[in-house]
Amino acid sequence: MIFYDTIYRLNAQDKKASEAPENPSCAWRLRVIDFAAGAPDVVFLRPFIAVTFPLHKRIFPKSCLECMGEKIFSELMLSIPHLIWLECFPDLPEKMYTARFRQKSAGETDLLYTVTWRASLPNEIDAIRHFIPEITDVLSCVLSY
């Protein structure tokens, strides 16, 4: 089941002043899929998958996760240990990458994580195809609207 579907854009306070607010290279399509909602009798270790695609071929130098992750986790009340994050990087060889979260330290109120990326596994890509029908080719990060 699609839990959340929207476009996230960096706004003026989230980025350098040199970037125009309407710049499409600073925007990503975000879709969060909740597998547990479709199978209430199954226990999932990570019931959510977040999938992001840039809206423009010229990519902002950082990932959606780096730019907007904290805001997205807070707004949607998502827990890092219960989520798989896939992101499209059209300029990189494998195109679809999965974030690896490693606990860095525990602050007074929040856990801090570091993120590394690995190429997405075939089963991760297959799991999202049904929920993103406008994908013409996942491995080239092409969306058709």
N, C-alpha and C. Protein backbone atom coordinates (compact mmCIF):
# COMPACT_ATOMS: atom_id res chain seq x y z
N MET A 1 0.84 -1.17 0.00
CA MET A 1 0.00 0.00 0.00
C MET A 1 0.89 1.24 0.00
N ILE A 2 0.52 2.23 -0.80
CA ILE A 2 1.27 3.48 -0.82
C ILE A 2 0.85 4.29 0.40
N PHE A 3 1.80 4.53 1.27
CA PHE A 3 1.60 5.24 2.52
C PHE A 3 1.70 6.75 2.32
N TYR A 4 2.58 7.17 1.41
CA TYR A 4 2.83 8.60 1.21
C TYR A 4 3.38 8.79 -0.19
N ASP A 5 2.93 9.85 -0.87
CA ASP A 5 3.37 10.12 -2.23
C ASP A 5 3.36 11.62 -2.46
N THR A 6 4.52 12.21 -2.66
CA THR A 6 4.58 13.66 -2.85
C THR A 6 5.90 14.05 -3.52
N ILE A 7 6.05 15.33 -3.74
CA ILE A 7 7.29 15.89 -4.25
C ILE A 7 7.88 16.75 -3.13
N TYR A 8 9.13 16.51 -2.82
CA TYR A 8 9.84 17.32 -1.83
C TYR A 8 10.78 18.26 -2.55
N ARG A 9 10.72 19.53 -2.17
CA ARG A 9 11.61 20.55 -2.73
C ARG A 9 12.36 21.23 -1.59
N LEU A 10 13.60 21.55 -1.86
CA LEU A 10 14.33 22.37 -0.90
C LEU A 10 13.75 23.77 -0.96
N ASN A 11 13.57 24.40 0.18
CA ASN A 11 13.14 25.79 0.17
C ASN A 11 14.31 26.68 0.51
N ALA A 12 14.10 27.98 0.50
CA ALA A 12 15.19 28.94 0.64
C ALA A 12 16.04 28.72 1.89
N GLN A 13 15.45 28.38 3.00
CA GLN A 13 16.26 28.20 4.20
C GLN A 13 16.96 26.85 4.23
N ASP A 14 16.60 25.92 3.35
CA ASP A 14 17.23 24.59 3.34
C ASP A 14 18.46 24.52 2.45
N LYS A 15 18.74 25.55 1.67
CA LYS A 15 19.84 25.44 0.71
C LYS A 15 20.58 26.75 0.56
N LYS A 16 21.61 26.72 -0.27
CA LYS A 16 22.41 27.91 -0.53
C LYS A 16 21.57 28.98 -1.20
N ALA A 17 21.90 30.22 -0.93
CA ALA A 17 21.17 31.33 -1.53
C ALA A 17 21.30 31.35 -3.05
N SER A 18 22.37 30.75 -3.58
CA SER A 18 22.58 30.76 -5.03
C SER A 18 21.61 29.86 -5.79
N GLU A 19 20.93 28.97 -5.09
CA GLU A 19 19.98 28.07 -5.75
C GLU A 19 18.60 28.69 -5.76
N ALA A 20 17.98 28.74 -6.92
CA ALA A 20 16.62 29.30 -7.02
C ALA A 20 15.61 28.34 -6.41
N PRO A 21 14.60 28.85 -5.66
CA PRO A 21 13.61 27.97 -5.03
C PRO A 21 12.87 27.08 -6.02
N GLU A 22 12.67 27.57 -7.24
CA GLU A 22 11.91 26.77 -8.20
C GLU A 22 12.79 25.83 -9.01
N ASN A 23 14.07 25.77 -8.70
CA ASN A 23 15.00 24.93 -9.43
C ASN A 23 14.60 23.46 -9.30
N PRO A 24 14.22 22.80 -10.40
CA PRO A 24 13.78 21.40 -10.32
C PRO A 24 14.89 20.44 -9.93
N SER A 25 16.15 20.86 -10.05
CA SER A 25 17.22 19.95 -9.65
C SER A 25 17.31 19.81 -8.14
N CYS A 26 16.54 20.61 -7.42
CA CYS A 26 16.51 20.54 -5.96
C CYS A 26 15.19 19.93 -5.49
N ALA A 27 14.63 19.03 -6.30
CA ALA A 27 13.35 18.42 -5.95
C ALA A 27 13.40 16.92 -6.25
N TRP A 28 12.68 16.17 -5.42
CA TRP A 28 12.63 14.72 -5.57
C TRP A 28 11.21 14.23 -5.42
N ARG A 29 10.85 13.22 -6.17
CA ARG A 29 9.60 12.50 -6.00
C ARG A 29 9.83 11.49 -4.89
N LEU A 30 9.01 11.51 -3.85
CA LEU A 30 9.12 10.58 -2.73
C LEU A 30 7.87 9.74 -2.65
N ARG A 31 8.05 8.45 -2.61
CA ARG A 31 6.92 7.54 -2.39
C ARG A 31 7.33 6.57 -1.28
N VAL A 32 6.48 6.47 -0.26
CA VAL A 32 6.73 5.54 0.85
C VAL A 32 5.70 4.43 0.76
N ILE A 33 6.18 3.20 0.76
CA ILE A 33 5.33 2.02 0.63
C ILE A 33 5.29 1.32 1.98
N ASP A 34 4.08 0.96 2.41
CA ASP A 34 3.88 0.24 3.67
C ASP A 34 3.46 -1.19 3.34
N PHE A 35 4.38 -2.13 3.47
CA PHE A 35 4.09 -3.52 3.16
C PHE A 35 3.19 -4.16 4.20
N ALA A 36 3.28 -3.73 5.45
CA ALA A 36 2.49 -4.33 6.53
C ALA A 36 1.00 -4.07 6.35
N ALA A 37 0.64 -2.95 5.75
CA ALA A 37 -0.78 -2.62 5.57
C ALA A 37 -1.46 -3.62 4.64
N GLY A 38 -0.72 -4.18 3.70
CA GLY A 38 -1.29 -5.13 2.75
C GLY A 38 -1.24 -6.58 3.22
N ALA A 39 -0.54 -6.82 4.31
CA ALA A 39 -0.40 -8.19 4.83
C ALA A 39 -0.39 -8.14 6.35
N PRO A 40 -1.55 -7.90 6.97
CA PRO A 40 -1.59 -7.72 8.43
C PRO A 40 -1.17 -8.95 9.24
N ASP A 41 -1.20 -10.13 8.64
CA ASP A 41 -0.81 -11.34 9.36
C ASP A 41 0.69 -11.63 9.29
N VAL A 42 1.42 -10.82 8.55
CA VAL A 42 2.86 -11.02 8.38
C VAL A 42 3.60 -9.96 9.20
N VAL A 43 4.66 -10.37 9.87
CA VAL A 43 5.49 -9.43 10.62
C VAL A 43 6.70 -9.09 9.75
N PHE A 44 6.87 -7.81 9.46
CA PHE A 44 7.97 -7.35 8.64
C PHE A 44 9.04 -6.73 9.53
N LEU A 45 10.30 -7.07 9.29
CA LEU A 45 11.38 -6.42 10.03
C LEU A 45 11.50 -4.96 9.62
N ARG A 46 11.30 -4.71 8.34
CA ARG A 46 11.32 -3.34 7.81
C ARG A 46 10.09 -3.17 6.93
N PRO A 47 8.98 -2.76 7.52
CA PRO A 47 7.73 -2.70 6.77
C PRO A 47 7.62 -1.56 5.77
N PHE A 48 8.51 -0.57 5.84
CA PHE A 48 8.42 0.58 4.94
C PHE A 48 9.61 0.63 3.99
N ILE A 49 9.31 1.01 2.74
CA ILE A 49 10.36 1.34 1.78
C ILE A 49 10.08 2.75 1.28
N ALA A 50 11.08 3.60 1.38
CA ALA A 50 11.00 4.95 0.82
C ALA A 50 11.78 4.92 -0.49
N VAL A 51 11.18 5.46 -1.55
CA VAL A 51 11.82 5.48 -2.87
C VAL A 51 11.82 6.92 -3.35
N THR A 52 12.99 7.42 -3.75
CA THR A 52 13.07 8.80 -4.24
C THR A 52 13.71 8.83 -5.62
N PHE A 53 13.20 9.73 -6.45
CA PHE A 53 13.72 9.97 -7.79
C PHE A 53 13.90 11.47 -7.97
N PRO A 54 15.01 11.91 -8.55
CA PRO A 54 15.15 13.34 -8.82
C PRO A 54 14.17 13.75 -9.91
N LEU A 55 13.70 14.99 -9.87
CA LEU A 55 12.76 15.47 -10.88
C LEU A 55 13.44 16.05 -12.10
N HIS A 56 14.73 16.13 -12.09
CA HIS A 56 15.45 16.74 -13.19
C HIS A 56 16.75 15.96 -13.40
N LYS A 57 17.24 15.93 -14.63
CA LYS A 57 18.46 15.18 -14.91
C LYS A 57 19.68 15.79 -14.23
N ARG A 58 19.72 17.11 -14.14
CA ARG A 58 20.83 17.74 -13.43
C ARG A 58 20.56 17.56 -11.95
N ILE A 59 21.37 16.78 -11.32
CA ILE A 59 21.10 16.40 -9.95
C ILE A 59 21.78 17.35 -8.98
N PHE A 60 21.06 17.65 -7.93
CA PHE A 60 21.63 18.40 -6.82
C PHE A 60 22.79 17.58 -6.28
N PRO A 61 23.88 18.20 -5.82
CA PRO A 61 25.05 17.43 -5.44
C PRO A 61 24.87 16.48 -4.26
N LYS A 62 23.78 16.57 -3.57
CA LYS A 62 23.53 15.67 -2.44
C LYS A 62 22.29 14.85 -2.73
N SER A 63 22.12 13.80 -1.96
CA SER A 63 20.94 12.95 -2.12
C SER A 63 19.75 13.58 -1.41
N CYS A 64 18.57 13.08 -1.75
CA CYS A 64 17.35 13.52 -1.06
C CYS A 64 17.47 13.20 0.42
N LEU A 65 18.02 12.04 0.73
CA LEU A 65 18.17 11.63 2.13
C LEU A 65 19.04 12.62 2.90
N GLU A 66 20.15 13.03 2.30
CA GLU A 66 21.04 13.98 2.98
C GLU A 66 20.38 15.34 3.16
N CYS A 67 19.63 15.77 2.16
CA CYS A 67 19.02 17.10 2.20
C CYS A 67 17.73 17.15 3.02
N MET A 68 16.93 16.12 2.90
CA MET A 68 15.58 16.18 3.45
C MET A 68 15.24 15.06 4.42
N GLY A 69 16.15 14.13 4.63
CA GLY A 69 15.85 12.94 5.43
C GLY A 69 15.29 13.23 6.80
N GLU A 70 15.94 14.10 7.54
CA GLU A 70 15.48 14.39 8.90
C GLU A 70 14.06 14.95 8.89
N LYS A 71 13.80 15.85 7.95
CA LYS A 71 12.46 16.44 7.83
C LYS A 71 11.42 15.36 7.48
N ILE A 72 11.76 14.48 6.54
CA ILE A 72 10.84 13.43 6.11
C ILE A 72 10.56 12.45 7.25
N PHE A 73 11.62 12.01 7.94
CA PHE A 73 11.42 11.08 9.06
C PHE A 73 10.54 11.71 10.13
N SER A 74 10.75 12.99 10.40
CA SER A 74 9.97 13.67 11.43
C SER A 74 8.51 13.84 11.01
N GLU A 75 8.29 14.35 9.80
CA GLU A 75 6.93 14.60 9.31
C GLU A 75 6.10 13.32 9.24
N LEU A 76 6.71 12.24 8.78
CA LEU A 76 5.97 10.99 8.58
C LEU A 76 6.05 10.05 9.78
N MET A 77 6.77 10.46 10.80
CA MET A 77 6.96 9.66 12.01
C MET A 77 7.49 8.26 11.67
N LEU A 78 8.50 8.24 10.81
CA LEU A 78 9.13 6.98 10.41
C LEU A 78 10.33 6.70 11.29
N SER A 79 10.59 5.45 11.53
CA SER A 79 11.71 5.01 12.35
C SER A 79 12.77 4.39 11.44
N ILE A 80 14.00 4.84 11.55
CA ILE A 80 15.07 4.34 10.69
C ILE A 80 15.19 2.81 10.73
N PRO A 81 15.13 2.18 11.91
CA PRO A 81 15.26 0.71 11.91
C PRO A 81 14.13 -0.03 11.19
N HIS A 82 13.02 0.64 10.90
CA HIS A 82 11.88 -0.01 10.25
C HIS A 82 11.73 0.38 8.78
N LEU A 83 12.79 0.92 8.19
CA LEU A 83 12.68 1.48 6.85
C LEU A 83 13.84 1.06 5.97
N ILE A 84 13.54 0.82 4.70
CA ILE A 84 14.55 0.67 3.66
C ILE A 84 14.43 1.91 2.78
N TRP A 85 15.55 2.58 2.51
CA TRP A 85 15.54 3.81 1.72
C TRP A 85 16.25 3.53 0.40
N LEU A 86 15.51 3.62 -0.72
CA LEU A 86 16.09 3.47 -2.06
C LEU A 86 16.09 4.84 -2.72
N GLU A 87 17.17 5.12 -3.41
CA GLU A 87 17.25 6.41 -4.08
C GLU A 87 17.90 6.23 -5.44
N CYS A 88 17.39 6.98 -6.40
CA CYS A 88 17.91 6.93 -7.76
C CYS A 88 19.01 7.98 -7.92
N PHE A 89 20.13 7.55 -8.45
CA PHE A 89 21.24 8.45 -8.80
C PHE A 89 21.53 8.22 -10.28
N PRO A 90 20.87 8.95 -11.19
CA PRO A 90 21.00 8.68 -12.63
C PRO A 90 22.43 8.78 -13.16
N ASP A 91 23.28 9.57 -12.51
CA ASP A 91 24.65 9.74 -13.00
C ASP A 91 25.61 8.66 -12.53
N LEU A 92 25.16 7.77 -11.66
CA LEU A 92 26.04 6.71 -11.16
C LEU A 92 25.75 5.40 -11.89
N PRO A 93 26.72 4.49 -11.95
CA PRO A 93 26.57 3.28 -12.77
C PRO A 93 25.37 2.40 -12.44
N GLU A 94 25.10 2.15 -11.18
CA GLU A 94 24.03 1.22 -10.82
C GLU A 94 22.65 1.86 -10.80
N LYS A 95 22.55 3.16 -10.81
CA LYS A 95 21.30 3.94 -10.83
C LYS A 95 20.52 3.90 -9.52
N MET A 96 20.12 2.72 -9.06
CA MET A 96 19.34 2.62 -7.82
C MET A 96 20.26 2.16 -6.69
N TYR A 97 20.21 2.93 -5.59
CA TYR A 97 21.06 2.63 -4.44
C TYR A 97 20.21 2.56 -3.18
N THR A 98 20.69 1.77 -2.23
CA THR A 98 20.00 1.59 -0.95
C THR A 98 20.89 2.15 0.15
N ALA A 99 20.27 2.90 1.05
CA ALA A 99 21.02 3.50 2.17
C ALA A 99 21.26 2.46 3.25
N ARG A 100 22.44 2.49 3.80
CA ARG A 100 22.77 1.69 4.99
C ARG A 100 22.93 2.67 6.14
N PHE A 101 22.09 2.51 7.13
CA PHE A 101 22.16 3.38 8.30
C PHE A 101 22.97 2.67 9.38
N ARG A 102 23.93 3.37 9.93
CA ARG A 102 24.71 2.84 11.05
C ARG A 102 24.63 3.85 12.19
N GLN A 103 24.30 3.33 13.36
CA GLN A 103 24.19 4.21 14.51
C GLN A 103 25.56 4.80 14.82
N LYS A 104 25.61 6.12 14.90
CA LYS A 104 26.86 6.82 15.13
C LYS A 104 27.03 7.10 16.62
N SER A 105 26.01 7.67 17.20
CA SER A 105 26.04 7.97 18.63
C SER A 105 24.62 8.24 19.10
N ALA A 106 24.46 8.23 20.38
CA ALA A 106 23.16 8.55 20.96
C ALA A 106 23.27 9.92 21.61
N GLY A 107 22.50 10.86 21.09
CA GLY A 107 22.46 12.19 21.69
C GLY A 107 21.54 12.16 22.89
N GLU A 108 21.27 13.33 23.43
CA GLU A 108 20.38 13.39 24.59
C GLU A 108 18.97 12.94 24.24
N THR A 109 18.50 13.30 23.05
CA THR A 109 17.13 12.94 22.68
C THR A 109 17.06 12.10 21.41
N ASP A 110 18.07 12.17 20.56
CA ASP A 110 18.02 11.49 19.27
C ASP A 110 19.22 10.58 19.06
N LEU A 111 19.01 9.55 18.26
CA LEU A 111 20.12 8.73 17.80
C LEU A 111 20.68 9.39 16.56
N LEU A 112 21.99 9.37 16.41
CA LEU A 112 22.62 9.91 15.22
C LEU A 112 23.10 8.75 14.37
N TYR A 113 22.96 8.90 13.06
CA TYR A 113 23.32 7.83 12.13
C TYR A 113 24.27 8.35 11.06
N THR A 114 25.09 7.46 10.55
CA THR A 114 25.85 7.75 9.34
C THR A 114 25.20 6.93 8.23
N VAL A 115 25.34 7.40 7.02
CA VAL A 115 24.73 6.72 5.87
C VAL A 115 25.81 6.38 4.87
N THR A 116 25.80 5.13 4.42
CA THR A 116 26.61 4.72 3.28
C THR A 116 25.65 4.13 2.26
N TRP A 117 26.09 4.04 1.03
CA TRP A 117 25.21 3.57 -0.05
C TRP A 117 25.77 2.30 -0.66
N ARG A 118 24.86 1.43 -1.08
CA ARG A 118 25.22 0.23 -1.84
C ARG A 118 24.23 0.10 -2.99
N ALA A 119 24.63 -0.60 -4.03
CA ALA A 119 23.70 -0.83 -5.15
C ALA A 119 22.49 -1.60 -4.63
N SER A 120 21.30 -1.19 -5.07
CA SER A 120 20.07 -1.88 -4.64
C SER A 120 20.07 -3.31 -5.17
N LEU A 121 19.55 -4.21 -4.36
CA LEU A 121 19.46 -5.61 -4.74
C LEU A 121 18.27 -5.84 -5.67
N PRO A 122 18.33 -6.85 -6.53
CA PRO A 122 17.21 -7.11 -7.44
C PRO A 122 15.87 -7.29 -6.72
N ASN A 123 15.87 -7.95 -5.56
CA ASN A 123 14.60 -8.14 -4.85
C ASN A 123 14.05 -6.83 -4.30
N GLU A 124 14.91 -5.87 -3.96
CA GLU A 124 14.44 -4.56 -3.51
C GLU A 124 13.77 -3.81 -4.67
N ILE A 125 14.38 -3.89 -5.83
CA ILE A 125 13.82 -3.23 -7.00
C ILE A 125 12.50 -3.89 -7.41
N ASP A 126 12.46 -5.22 -7.39
CA ASP A 126 11.23 -5.93 -7.73
C ASP A 126 10.10 -5.59 -6.76
N ALA A 127 10.43 -5.37 -5.49
CA ALA A 127 9.41 -5.07 -4.48
C ALA A 127 8.71 -3.74 -4.74
N ILE A 128 9.40 -2.79 -5.38
CA ILE A 128 8.79 -1.47 -5.59
C ILE A 128 8.09 -1.32 -6.93
N ARG A 129 8.39 -2.18 -7.90
CA ARG A 129 7.83 -2.02 -9.25
C ARG A 129 6.30 -1.93 -9.25
N HIS A 130 5.64 -2.77 -8.50
CA HIS A 130 4.18 -2.79 -8.46
C HIS A 130 3.60 -1.47 -7.94
N PHE A 131 4.31 -0.81 -7.06
CA PHE A 131 3.82 0.41 -6.42
C PHE A 131 4.21 1.68 -7.15
N ILE A 132 5.02 1.55 -8.18
CA ILE A 132 5.45 2.71 -8.96
C ILE A 132 5.23 2.40 -10.44
N PRO A 133 3.96 2.34 -10.86
CA PRO A 133 3.67 1.92 -12.24
C PRO A 133 4.18 2.90 -13.30
N GLU A 134 4.42 4.15 -12.92
CA GLU A 134 4.90 5.11 -13.92
C GLU A 134 6.38 4.94 -14.24
N ILE A 135 7.03 4.00 -13.58
CA ILE A 135 8.43 3.74 -13.90
C ILE A 135 8.49 3.02 -15.24
N THR A 136 9.20 3.61 -16.17
CA THR A 136 9.38 2.93 -17.45
C THR A 136 10.63 2.06 -17.41
N ASP A 137 11.59 2.48 -16.62
CA ASP A 137 12.81 1.69 -16.47
C ASP A 137 13.47 2.07 -15.16
N VAL A 138 13.29 1.24 -14.15
CA VAL A 138 13.83 1.54 -12.82
C VAL A 138 15.33 1.76 -12.88
N LEU A 139 16.02 0.96 -13.65
CA LEU A 139 17.47 1.04 -13.65
C LEU A 139 18.02 2.24 -14.41
N SER A 140 17.17 2.97 -15.11
CA SER A 140 17.64 4.23 -15.69
C SER A 140 16.97 5.41 -15.01
N CYS A 141 16.18 5.13 -13.98
CA CYS A 141 15.53 6.17 -13.18
C CYS A 141 14.60 7.04 -14.01
N VAL A 142 13.91 6.44 -14.96
CA VAL A 142 13.02 7.20 -15.83
C VAL A 142 11.59 7.08 -15.34
N LEU A 143 10.98 8.22 -15.03
CA LEU A 143 9.57 8.24 -14.66
C LEU A 143 8.79 8.83 -15.81
N SER A 144 7.62 8.29 -16.07
CA SER A 144 6.74 8.87 -17.09
C SER A 144 5.45 9.30 -16.40
N TYR A 145 5.05 10.52 -16.62
CA TYR A 145 3.82 11.04 -15.99
C TYR A 145 2.79 11.36 -17.04
